[in-house]
C-alpha cells in the first residue's frame, strides 16, 4: 500500500473542495445583510434589556449565533432572523439569570423561574394580568394585533412594520392606535366595572 504524500497540510484544518468559496459567501452575506442591521438590533436590545451595560456583549453574542447558524444554511431574509436570534438570546439570558421581568415573558411557569422571594400572591396576580392581556390581544383584529406586537414586542419602527405588513406608515399608526384603544377598553373597563361592584 502506497504512502499518502505529505503535502504539508494539517488534516484537522482540511476542508472539502468548495468550502473556502462557501465561507467567502457566508462572510459576504454577513457583511452585506447582517451588519447593516446593527442599528435595528441595538434598538431592539435597548428596548428589551434593562441592564444597558450588557448591550454591546449581547450584540456580539447575537452576531456569533447568527453566523454559526448561517454556516448550516443562510436564511432567506436576514432581519427577521437576526431579531428572532436576539429575542431567543434574551430569553436564554433571562432563564439563566432566573430574573424574570413581567414584561419579558408570557408564562412564568413555563420558565420555572418563580423566585423564592416573590410571594405566591404576587406571582399569581402577575400571571393573571398576563393571561388577561393575552386574551385581550387575541380579541383584536389581526392587523391591529400584528402591528402592536411588531411595535411593542419586537421593537420595530413604524417604517419597518409598514414594509413587513405591506401597508403605509399612516395605516400602521391607525392600527396601533385602534388596537391600543381597544386593549385599554377591554382591560381597564373590566377593572373599572369590578371596582364599581365592590
C-alpha atoms as a PDB file:
ATOM      1  CA  UNK A   1       0.000   0.000   0.000  1.00  0.00           C
ATOM      2  CA  UNK A   2       1.494   3.343  -1.023  1.00  0.00           C
ATOM      3  CA  UNK A   3       2.056   6.166   1.405  1.00  0.00           C
ATOM      4  CA  UNK A   4      -0.029   9.278   1.141  1.00  0.00           C
ATOM      5  CA  UNK A   5       2.266  12.106   0.114  1.00  0.00           C
ATOM      6  CA  UNK A   6       2.920  14.739   2.756  1.00  0.00           C
ATOM      7  CA  UNK A   7       1.543  17.924   1.268  1.00  0.00           C
ATOM      8  CA  UNK A   8       2.217  19.996   4.379  1.00  0.00           C
ATOM      9  CA  UNK A   9      -1.466  20.212   5.169  1.00  0.00           C
ATOM     10  CA  UNK A  10      -2.785  19.702   8.698  1.00  0.00           C
ATOM     11  CA  UNK A  11      -5.687  17.244   8.180  1.00  0.00           C
ATOM     12  CA  UNK A  12      -7.594  18.730  11.137  1.00  0.00           C
ATOM     13  CA  UNK A  13      -7.809  22.005   9.240  1.00  0.00           C
ATOM     14  CA  UNK A  14      -8.574  20.440   5.882  1.00  0.00           C
ATOM     15  CA  UNK A  15     -11.836  21.475   4.242  1.00  0.00           C
ATOM     16  CA  UNK A  16     -13.608  19.876   1.309  1.00  0.00           C
ATOM     17  CA  UNK A  17     -13.221  21.417  -2.126  1.00  0.00           C
ATOM     18  CA  UNK A  18     -15.525  24.407  -2.398  1.00  0.00           C
ATOM     19  CA  UNK A  19     -15.508  25.143   1.364  1.00  0.00           C
ATOM     20  CA  UNK A  20     -13.363  28.308   1.047  1.00  0.00           C
ATOM     21  CA  UNK A  21     -15.835  29.623  -1.527  1.00  0.00           C
ATOM     22  CA  UNK A  22     -18.745  28.808   0.786  1.00  0.00           C
ATOM     23  CA  UNK A  23     -17.011  30.562   3.697  1.00  0.00           C
ATOM     24  CA  UNK A  24     -16.373  33.578   1.482  1.00  0.00           C
ATOM     25  CA  UNK A  25     -20.072  33.621   0.502  1.00  0.00           C
ATOM     26  CA  UNK A  26     -21.053  33.421   4.181  1.00  0.00           C
ATOM     27  CA  UNK A  27     -18.738  36.298   5.102  1.00  0.00           C
ATOM     28  CA  UNK A  28     -20.010  38.376   2.179  1.00  0.00           C
ATOM     29  CA  UNK A  29     -23.611  37.673   3.224  1.00  0.00           C
ATOM     30  CA  UNK A  30     -22.862  38.610   6.813  1.00  0.00           C
ATOM     31  CA  UNK A  31     -21.220  41.892   5.813  1.00  0.00           C
ATOM     32  CA  UNK A  32     -23.875  42.736   3.208  1.00  0.00           C
ATOM     33  CA  UNK A  33     -27.047  41.634   5.058  1.00  0.00           C
ATOM     34  CA  UNK A  34     -26.391  41.426   8.805  1.00  0.00           C
ATOM     35  CA  UNK A  35     -24.025  44.252   9.714  1.00  0.00           C
ATOM     36  CA  UNK A  36     -26.290  46.972   8.210  1.00  0.00           C
ATOM     37  CA  UNK A  37     -28.984  45.826  10.678  1.00  0.00           C
ATOM     38  CA  UNK A  38     -26.895  46.898  13.668  1.00  0.00           C
ATOM     39  CA  UNK A  39     -28.996  49.997  14.407  1.00  0.00           C
ATOM     40  CA  UNK A  40     -32.234  47.977  14.463  1.00  0.00           C
ATOM     41  CA  UNK A  41     -30.578  45.261  16.545  1.00  0.00           C
ATOM     42  CA  UNK A  42     -29.230  47.777  19.059  1.00  0.00           C
ATOM     43  CA  UNK A  43     -32.647  49.450  19.305  1.00  0.00           C
ATOM     44  CA  UNK A  44     -34.271  46.065  19.937  1.00  0.00           C
ATOM     45  CA  UNK A  45     -31.711  45.176  22.606  1.00  0.00           C
ATOM     46  CA  UNK A  46     -32.016  48.555  24.342  1.00  0.00           C
ATOM     47  CA  UNK A  47     -35.814  48.277  24.423  1.00  0.00           C
ATOM     48  CA  UNK A  48     -35.832  44.736  25.745  1.00  0.00           C
ATOM     49  CA  UNK A  49     -32.919  44.526  28.173  1.00  0.00           C
ATOM     50  CA  UNK A  50     -32.795  46.549  31.361  1.00  0.00           C
ATOM     51  CA  UNK A  51     -29.026  46.471  32.037  1.00  0.00           C
ATOM     52  CA  UNK A  52     -27.636  48.802  29.381  1.00  0.00           C
ATOM     53  CA  UNK A  53     -24.064  47.774  30.262  1.00  0.00           C
ATOM     54  CA  UNK A  54     -24.766  44.370  28.677  1.00  0.00           C
ATOM     55  CA  UNK A  55     -25.925  45.692  25.286  1.00  0.00           C
ATOM     56  CA  UNK A  56     -22.562  45.545  23.453  1.00  0.00           C
ATOM     57  CA  UNK A  57     -21.924  41.992  24.687  1.00  0.00           C
ATOM     58  CA  UNK A  58     -25.445  40.948  23.725  1.00  0.00           C
ATOM     59  CA  UNK A  59     -24.906  42.349  20.216  1.00  0.00           C
ATOM     60  CA  UNK A  60     -21.734  40.300  19.826  1.00  0.00           C
ATOM     61  CA  UNK A  61     -23.480  37.175  21.105  1.00  0.00           C
ATOM     62  CA  UNK A  62     -26.252  37.697  18.553  1.00  0.00           C
ATOM     63  CA  UNK A  63     -23.681  38.061  15.771  1.00  0.00           C
ATOM     64  CA  UNK A  64     -21.965  34.835  16.835  1.00  0.00           C
ATOM     65  CA  UNK A  65     -25.268  32.934  16.928  1.00  0.00           C
ATOM     66  CA  UNK A  66     -26.352  34.310  13.554  1.00  0.00           C
ATOM     67  CA  UNK A  67     -23.010  33.465  11.945  1.00  0.00           C
ATOM     68  CA  UNK A  68     -22.914  29.947  13.400  1.00  0.00           C
ATOM     69  CA  UNK A  69     -26.492  29.236  12.301  1.00  0.00           C
ATOM     70  CA  UNK A  70     -25.808  30.632   8.816  1.00  0.00           C
ATOM     71  CA  UNK A  71     -22.916  28.175   8.426  1.00  0.00           C
ATOM     72  CA  UNK A  72     -25.568  25.474   8.160  1.00  0.00           C
ATOM     73  CA  UNK A  73     -27.948  27.479   5.994  1.00  0.00           C
ATOM     74  CA  UNK A  74     -28.072  31.154   5.085  1.00  0.00           C
ATOM     75  CA  UNK A  75     -31.585  32.439   5.832  1.00  0.00           C
ATOM     76  CA  UNK A  76     -33.721  33.933   3.069  1.00  0.00           C
ATOM     77  CA  UNK A  77     -34.262  37.201   4.940  1.00  0.00           C
ATOM     78  CA  UNK A  78     -31.707  38.485   7.402  1.00  0.00           C
ATOM     79  CA  UNK A  79     -33.675  40.976   9.505  1.00  0.00           C
ATOM     80  CA  UNK A  80     -36.328  38.648  10.977  1.00  0.00           C
ATOM     81  CA  UNK A  81     -33.612  36.037  11.511  1.00  0.00           C
ATOM     82  CA  UNK A  82     -31.350  38.474  13.388  1.00  0.00           C
ATOM     83  CA  UNK A  83     -34.175  39.852  15.550  1.00  0.00           C
ATOM     84  CA  UNK A  84     -35.512  36.381  16.340  1.00  0.00           C
ATOM     85  CA  UNK A  85     -31.994  35.310  17.293  1.00  0.00           C
ATOM     86  CA  UNK A  86     -31.736  38.367  19.551  1.00  0.00           C
ATOM     87  CA  UNK A  87     -35.080  37.581  21.183  1.00  0.00           C
ATOM     88  CA  UNK A  88     -34.049  33.968  21.788  1.00  0.00           C
ATOM     89  CA  UNK A  89     -30.740  35.106  23.279  1.00  0.00           C
ATOM     90  CA  UNK A  90     -32.560  37.411  25.711  1.00  0.00           C
ATOM     91  CA  UNK A  91     -34.919  34.602  26.704  1.00  0.00           C
ATOM     92  CA  UNK A  92     -31.929  32.329  27.319  1.00  0.00           C
ATOM     93  CA  UNK A  93     -30.274  35.021  29.444  1.00  0.00           C
ATOM     94  CA  UNK A  94     -33.444  35.537  31.478  1.00  0.00           C
ATOM     95  CA  UNK A  95     -33.712  31.804  32.090  1.00  0.00           C
ATOM     96  CA  UNK A  96     -30.060  31.553  33.057  1.00  0.00           C
ATOM     97  CA  UNK A  97     -30.194  34.513  35.415  1.00  0.00           C
ATOM     98  CA  UNK A  98     -33.595  33.459  36.746  1.00  0.00           C
ATOM     99  CA  UNK A  99     -34.638  37.099  36.698  1.00  0.00           C
ATOM    100  CA  UNK A 100     -37.993  37.315  35.018  1.00  0.00           C
ATOM    101  CA  UNK A 101     -39.307  40.835  34.434  1.00  0.00           C
ATOM    102  CA  UNK A 102     -43.043  40.570  33.974  1.00  0.00           C
ATOM    103  CA  UNK A 103     -42.925  42.337  30.620  1.00  0.00           C
ATOM    104  CA  UNK A 104     -40.387  39.853  29.257  1.00  0.00           C
ATOM    105  CA  UNK A 105     -42.283  36.562  29.264  1.00  0.00           C
ATOM    106  CA  UNK A 106     -45.880  35.493  28.999  1.00  0.00           C
ATOM    107  CA  UNK A 107     -45.879  32.409  31.185  1.00  0.00           C
ATOM    108  CA  UNK A 108     -43.747  32.337  34.298  1.00  0.00           C
ATOM    109  CA  UNK A 109     -44.495  28.668  34.924  1.00  0.00           C
ATOM    110  CA  UNK A 110     -43.076  27.668  31.541  1.00  0.00           C
ATOM    111  CA  UNK A 111     -39.693  29.056  32.532  1.00  0.00           C
ATOM    112  CA  UNK A 112     -39.885  27.615  36.016  1.00  0.00           C
ATOM    113  CA  UNK A 113     -38.451  30.907  37.154  1.00  0.00           C
ATOM    114  CA  UNK A 114     -40.643  31.861  40.079  1.00  0.00           C
ATOM    115  CA  UNK A 115     -38.264  33.385  42.562  1.00  0.00           C
ATOM    116  CA  UNK A 116     -38.262  32.228  46.178  1.00  0.00           C
ATOM    117  CA  UNK A 117     -38.538  35.778  47.448  1.00  0.00           C
ATOM    118  CA  UNK A 118     -41.610  36.599  45.356  1.00  0.00           C
ATOM    119  CA  UNK A 119     -44.792  35.821  47.178  1.00  0.00           C
ATOM    120  CA  UNK A 120     -47.201  33.346  45.644  1.00  0.00           C
ATOM    121  CA  UNK A 121     -49.865  36.081  45.621  1.00  0.00           C
ATOM    122  CA  UNK A 122     -47.738  38.445  43.556  1.00  0.00           C
ATOM    123  CA  UNK A 123     -46.807  35.695  41.123  1.00  0.00           C
ATOM    124  CA  UNK A 124     -50.461  34.706  40.748  1.00  0.00           C
ATOM    125  CA  UNK A 125     -51.540  38.323  40.188  1.00  0.00           C
ATOM    126  CA  UNK A 126     -48.806  38.827  37.582  1.00  0.00           C
ATOM    127  CA  UNK A 127     -49.699  35.595  35.815  1.00  0.00           C
ATOM    128  CA  UNK A 128     -53.389  36.560  35.810  1.00  0.00           C
ATOM    129  CA  UNK A 129     -52.592  40.016  34.390  1.00  0.00           C
ATOM    130  CA  UNK A 130     -50.540  38.473  31.586  1.00  0.00           C
ATOM    131  CA  UNK A 131     -53.294  35.977  30.808  1.00  0.00           C
ATOM    132  CA  UNK A 132     -55.828  38.833  30.566  1.00  0.00           C
ATOM    133  CA  UNK A 133     -53.511  40.789  28.299  1.00  0.00           C
ATOM    134  CA  UNK A 134     -53.047  37.759  26.033  1.00  0.00           C
ATOM    135  CA  UNK A 135     -56.807  37.185  25.902  1.00  0.00           C
ATOM    136  CA  UNK A 136     -57.368  40.847  25.011  1.00  0.00           C
ATOM    137  CA  UNK A 137     -54.691  40.693  22.299  1.00  0.00           C
ATOM    138  CA  UNK A 138     -56.357  37.593  20.856  1.00  0.00           C
ATOM    139  CA  UNK A 139     -59.630  39.542  20.507  1.00  0.00           C
ATOM    140  CA  UNK A 140     -58.056  42.312  18.413  1.00  0.00           C
ATOM    141  CA  UNK A 141     -58.446  42.329  14.628  1.00  0.00           C
ATOM    142  CA  UNK A 142     -55.430  40.600  13.076  1.00  0.00           C
ATOM    143  CA  UNK A 143     -53.843  43.758  11.527  1.00  0.00           C
ATOM    144  CA  UNK A 144     -54.075  45.670  14.829  1.00  0.00           C
ATOM    145  CA  UNK A 145     -52.659  42.749  16.802  1.00  0.00           C
ATOM    146  CA  UNK A 146     -49.786  42.266  14.340  1.00  0.00           C
ATOM    147  CA  UNK A 147     -48.885  45.965  14.300  1.00  0.00           C
ATOM    148  CA  UNK A 148     -48.918  46.172  18.111  1.00  0.00           C
ATOM    149  CA  UNK A 149     -46.816  43.048  18.563  1.00  0.00           C
ATOM    150  CA  UNK A 150     -44.285  44.166  15.962  1.00  0.00           C
ATOM    151  CA  UNK A 151     -44.030  47.578  17.640  1.00  0.00           C
ATOM    152  CA  UNK A 152     -44.265  46.751  21.341  1.00  0.00           C
ATOM    153  CA  UNK A 153     -42.767  43.254  21.460  1.00  0.00           C
ATOM    154  CA  UNK A 154     -40.348  43.123  18.531  1.00  0.00           C
ATOM    155  CA  UNK A 155     -39.436  46.807  18.817  1.00  0.00           C
ATOM    156  CA  UNK A 156     -39.688  47.519  15.103  1.00  0.00           C
ATOM    157  CA  UNK A 157     -40.070  51.061  13.817  1.00  0.00           C
ATOM    158  CA  UNK A 158     -43.311  52.090  12.150  1.00  0.00           C
ATOM    159  CA  UNK A 159     -41.486  52.166   8.821  1.00  0.00           C
ATOM    160  CA  UNK A 160     -40.251  48.581   9.282  1.00  0.00           C
ATOM    161  CA  UNK A 161     -43.732  47.465  10.292  1.00  0.00           C
ATOM    162  CA  UNK A 162     -45.199  49.115   7.196  1.00  0.00           C
ATOM    163  CA  UNK A 163     -42.692  47.291   4.989  1.00  0.00           C
ATOM    164  CA  UNK A 164     -43.297  43.957   6.674  1.00  0.00           C
ATOM    165  CA  UNK A 165     -47.098  44.265   6.553  1.00  0.00           C
ATOM    166  CA  UNK A 166     -47.152  45.811   3.070  1.00  0.00           C
ATOM    167  CA  UNK A 167     -49.112  48.895   4.180  1.00  0.00           C
ATOM    168  CA  UNK A 168     -48.407  52.604   4.647  1.00  0.00           C
ATOM    169  CA  UNK A 169     -46.937  54.059   7.837  1.00  0.00           C
ATOM    170  CA  UNK A 170     -50.160  56.005   8.276  1.00  0.00           C
ATOM    171  CA  UNK A 171     -52.128  52.754   8.269  1.00  0.00           C
ATOM    172  CA  UNK A 172     -49.661  51.286  10.781  1.00  0.00           C
ATOM    173  CA  UNK A 173     -50.293  54.281  13.054  1.00  0.00           C
ATOM    174  CA  UNK A 174     -54.036  53.769  12.720  1.00  0.00           C
ATOM    175  CA  UNK A 175     -53.792  50.026  13.510  1.00  0.00           C
ATOM    176  CA  UNK A 176     -51.646  50.696  16.582  1.00  0.00           C
ATOM    177  CA  UNK A 177     -53.889  53.497  17.852  1.00  0.00           C
ATOM    178  CA  UNK A 178     -57.087  51.498  17.321  1.00  0.00           C
ATOM    179  CA  UNK A 179     -55.549  48.387  18.857  1.00  0.00           C
ATOM    180  CA  UNK A 180     -54.245  50.219  21.928  1.00  0.00           C
ATOM    181  CA  UNK A 181     -57.635  51.893  22.467  1.00  0.00           C
ATOM    182  CA  UNK A 182     -59.367  48.533  22.176  1.00  0.00           C
ATOM    183  CA  UNK A 183     -56.902  46.952  24.615  1.00  0.00           C
ATOM    184  CA  UNK A 184     -57.404  49.784  27.094  1.00  0.00           C
ATOM    185  CA  UNK A 185     -61.176  49.432  26.791  1.00  0.00           C
ATOM    186  CA  UNK A 186     -61.037  45.674  27.314  1.00  0.00           C
ATOM    187  CA  UNK A 187     -58.552  45.747  30.186  1.00  0.00           C
ATOM    188  CA  UNK A 188     -59.451  48.909  32.056  1.00  0.00           C
ATOM    189  CA  UNK A 189     -63.211  48.926  31.604  1.00  0.00           C
ATOM    190  CA  UNK A 190     -63.271  45.450  33.172  1.00  0.00           C
ATOM    191  CA  UNK A 191     -61.202  46.725  36.104  1.00  0.00           C
ATOM    192  CA  UNK A 192     -63.451  49.769  36.500  1.00  0.00           C
ATOM    193  CA  UNK A 193     -66.525  47.522  36.474  1.00  0.00           C
ATOM    194  CA  UNK A 194     -65.045  45.371  39.205  1.00  0.00           C
ATOM    195  CA  UNK A 195     -64.313  48.469  41.329  1.00  0.00           C
ATOM    196  CA  UNK A 196     -67.882  49.702  40.908  1.00  0.00           C
ATOM    197  CA  UNK A 197     -69.303  46.339  42.006  1.00  0.00           C
ATOM    198  CA  UNK A 198     -67.212  46.187  45.170  1.00  0.00           C
END
